[in-house]
Protein backbone atom coordinates (compact mmCIF):
# COMPACT_ATOMS: atom_id res chain seq x y z
CA UNK A 1 11.89 0.33 119.10
CA UNK A 2 9.26 -2.37 119.61
CA UNK A 3 6.51 0.17 120.31
CA UNK A 4 7.21 1.96 117.02
CA UNK A 5 6.76 -1.26 115.05
CA UNK A 6 3.11 -1.44 116.16
CA UNK A 7 2.30 2.06 114.87
CA UNK A 8 0.10 2.41 111.80
CA UNK A 9 1.13 5.31 109.53
CA UNK A 10 -1.50 7.06 107.41
CA UNK A 11 -0.44 9.57 104.79
CA UNK A 12 -1.99 13.02 104.67
CA UNK A 13 -4.58 12.85 101.88
CA UNK A 14 -3.60 16.32 100.64
CA UNK A 15 -0.09 15.14 99.75
CA UNK A 16 0.50 13.59 96.33
CA UNK A 17 3.33 11.34 95.20
CA UNK A 18 4.46 12.05 91.64
CA UNK A 19 7.20 10.58 89.50
CA UNK A 20 8.87 13.23 87.34
CA UNK A 21 11.94 12.52 85.20
CA UNK A 22 12.66 9.22 87.01
CA UNK A 23 12.57 10.91 90.42
CA UNK A 24 9.86 10.69 93.06
CA UNK A 25 8.43 13.77 94.75
CA UNK A 26 5.89 14.43 97.44
CA UNK A 27 3.87 17.46 96.38
CA UNK A 28 2.90 19.38 99.50
CA UNK A 29 0.27 22.09 99.01
CA UNK A 30 1.31 25.56 100.13
CA UNK A 31 -1.94 26.76 101.63
CA UNK A 32 -0.80 28.79 104.63
CA UNK A 33 -1.06 32.58 104.40
CA UNK A 34 2.66 32.58 105.18
CA UNK A 35 3.29 30.66 101.94
CA UNK A 36 2.09 33.56 99.78
CA UNK A 37 5.53 34.63 98.53
CA UNK A 38 6.84 31.09 98.11
CA UNK A 39 3.71 30.24 96.14
CA UNK A 40 4.32 33.13 93.76
CA UNK A 41 7.91 32.02 93.22
CA UNK A 42 7.53 28.23 93.13
CA UNK A 43 3.90 27.40 92.35
CA UNK A 44 1.21 25.81 94.47
CA UNK A 45 3.32 22.94 95.85
CA UNK A 46 6.47 22.42 97.83
CA UNK A 47 8.41 19.39 96.52
CA UNK A 48 10.12 16.84 98.73
CA UNK A 49 12.28 14.39 96.79
CA UNK A 50 12.15 10.71 97.77
CA UNK A 51 14.31 7.81 96.68
CA UNK A 52 12.74 4.59 95.42
CA UNK A 53 12.61 3.11 98.92
CA UNK A 54 10.93 6.24 100.32
CA UNK A 55 8.31 6.17 97.55
CA UNK A 56 7.68 2.47 98.21
CA UNK A 57 7.15 3.15 101.92
CA UNK A 58 4.90 6.15 101.20
CA UNK A 59 2.56 3.97 99.16
CA UNK A 60 2.06 1.64 102.14
CA UNK A 61 1.30 4.48 104.58
CA UNK A 62 -2.41 3.94 103.96
CA UNK A 63 -3.60 3.52 107.54
CA UNK A 64 -4.12 -0.23 107.27
CA UNK A 65 -0.77 -1.84 108.16
CA UNK A 66 1.87 -1.42 110.85
CA UNK A 67 5.43 -0.21 110.46
CA UNK A 68 6.54 -3.80 111.09
CA UNK A 69 4.41 -5.05 108.18
CA UNK A 70 5.76 -2.29 105.92
CA UNK A 71 9.26 -3.38 106.92
CA UNK A 72 8.55 -6.96 105.85
CA UNK A 73 7.34 -5.76 102.44
CA UNK A 74 10.40 -3.53 102.16
CA UNK A 75 12.72 -6.45 102.91
CA UNK A 76 10.95 -8.63 100.30
CA UNK A 77 11.41 -6.00 97.59
CA UNK A 78 14.79 -4.43 98.42
CA UNK A 79 16.60 -7.04 100.54
CA UNK A 80 19.94 -5.86 101.92
CA UNK A 81 19.60 -2.51 100.13
CA UNK A 82 17.06 -1.51 102.81
CA UNK A 83 19.37 -2.33 105.75
CA UNK A 84 19.49 -1.33 108.55
CA UNK A 85 15.81 -1.98 107.92
CA UNK A 86 13.78 -0.97 110.95
CA UNK A 87 16.10 1.79 112.17
CA UNK A 88 15.95 3.41 108.75
CA UNK A 89 12.21 2.85 108.31
CA UNK A 90 11.29 4.23 111.74
CA UNK A 91 13.52 7.28 111.25
CA UNK A 92 11.90 8.00 107.87
CA UNK A 93 8.32 7.61 109.13
CA UNK A 94 9.01 9.75 112.21
CA UNK A 95 10.42 12.47 109.94
CA UNK A 96 7.24 12.34 107.84
CA UNK A 97 5.24 12.58 111.08
CA UNK A 98 7.20 15.64 112.28
CA UNK A 99 6.39 17.37 108.98
CA UNK A 100 2.67 16.47 109.31
CA UNK A 101 2.85 14.33 106.18
CA UNK A 102 1.59 11.22 108.01
CA UNK A 103 -0.39 10.56 111.16
CA UNK A 104 0.40 7.62 113.44
CA UNK A 105 -2.24 5.39 114.96
CA UNK A 106 -2.20 2.10 116.76
CA UNK A 107 -1.13 2.95 120.30
CA UNK A 108 -3.86 2.57 122.91
CA UNK A 109 -6.56 2.26 120.25
């Protein structure tokens, strides 16, 4: 887990965070030729709903601070509500990475 804490997440600049009706969404552009039908049915963006903690983390994925530093900010704001802190945070950021919503830097740089 220690090696993950040194990673620096940077959000994909094409993805937008929007708050609609008290819910947070990542708006992911559908720009692949394979998205043609989905685009006609659902518009130009795919929506991924985030809770308040997820939206808070997303805003700090700016390519300037480590996962460990994000965790400290998360603990300051949400306290025990964010527990288990680093397990949850790392899992969330790795899921964003798998979906190409963030890149991860910091190892061997």
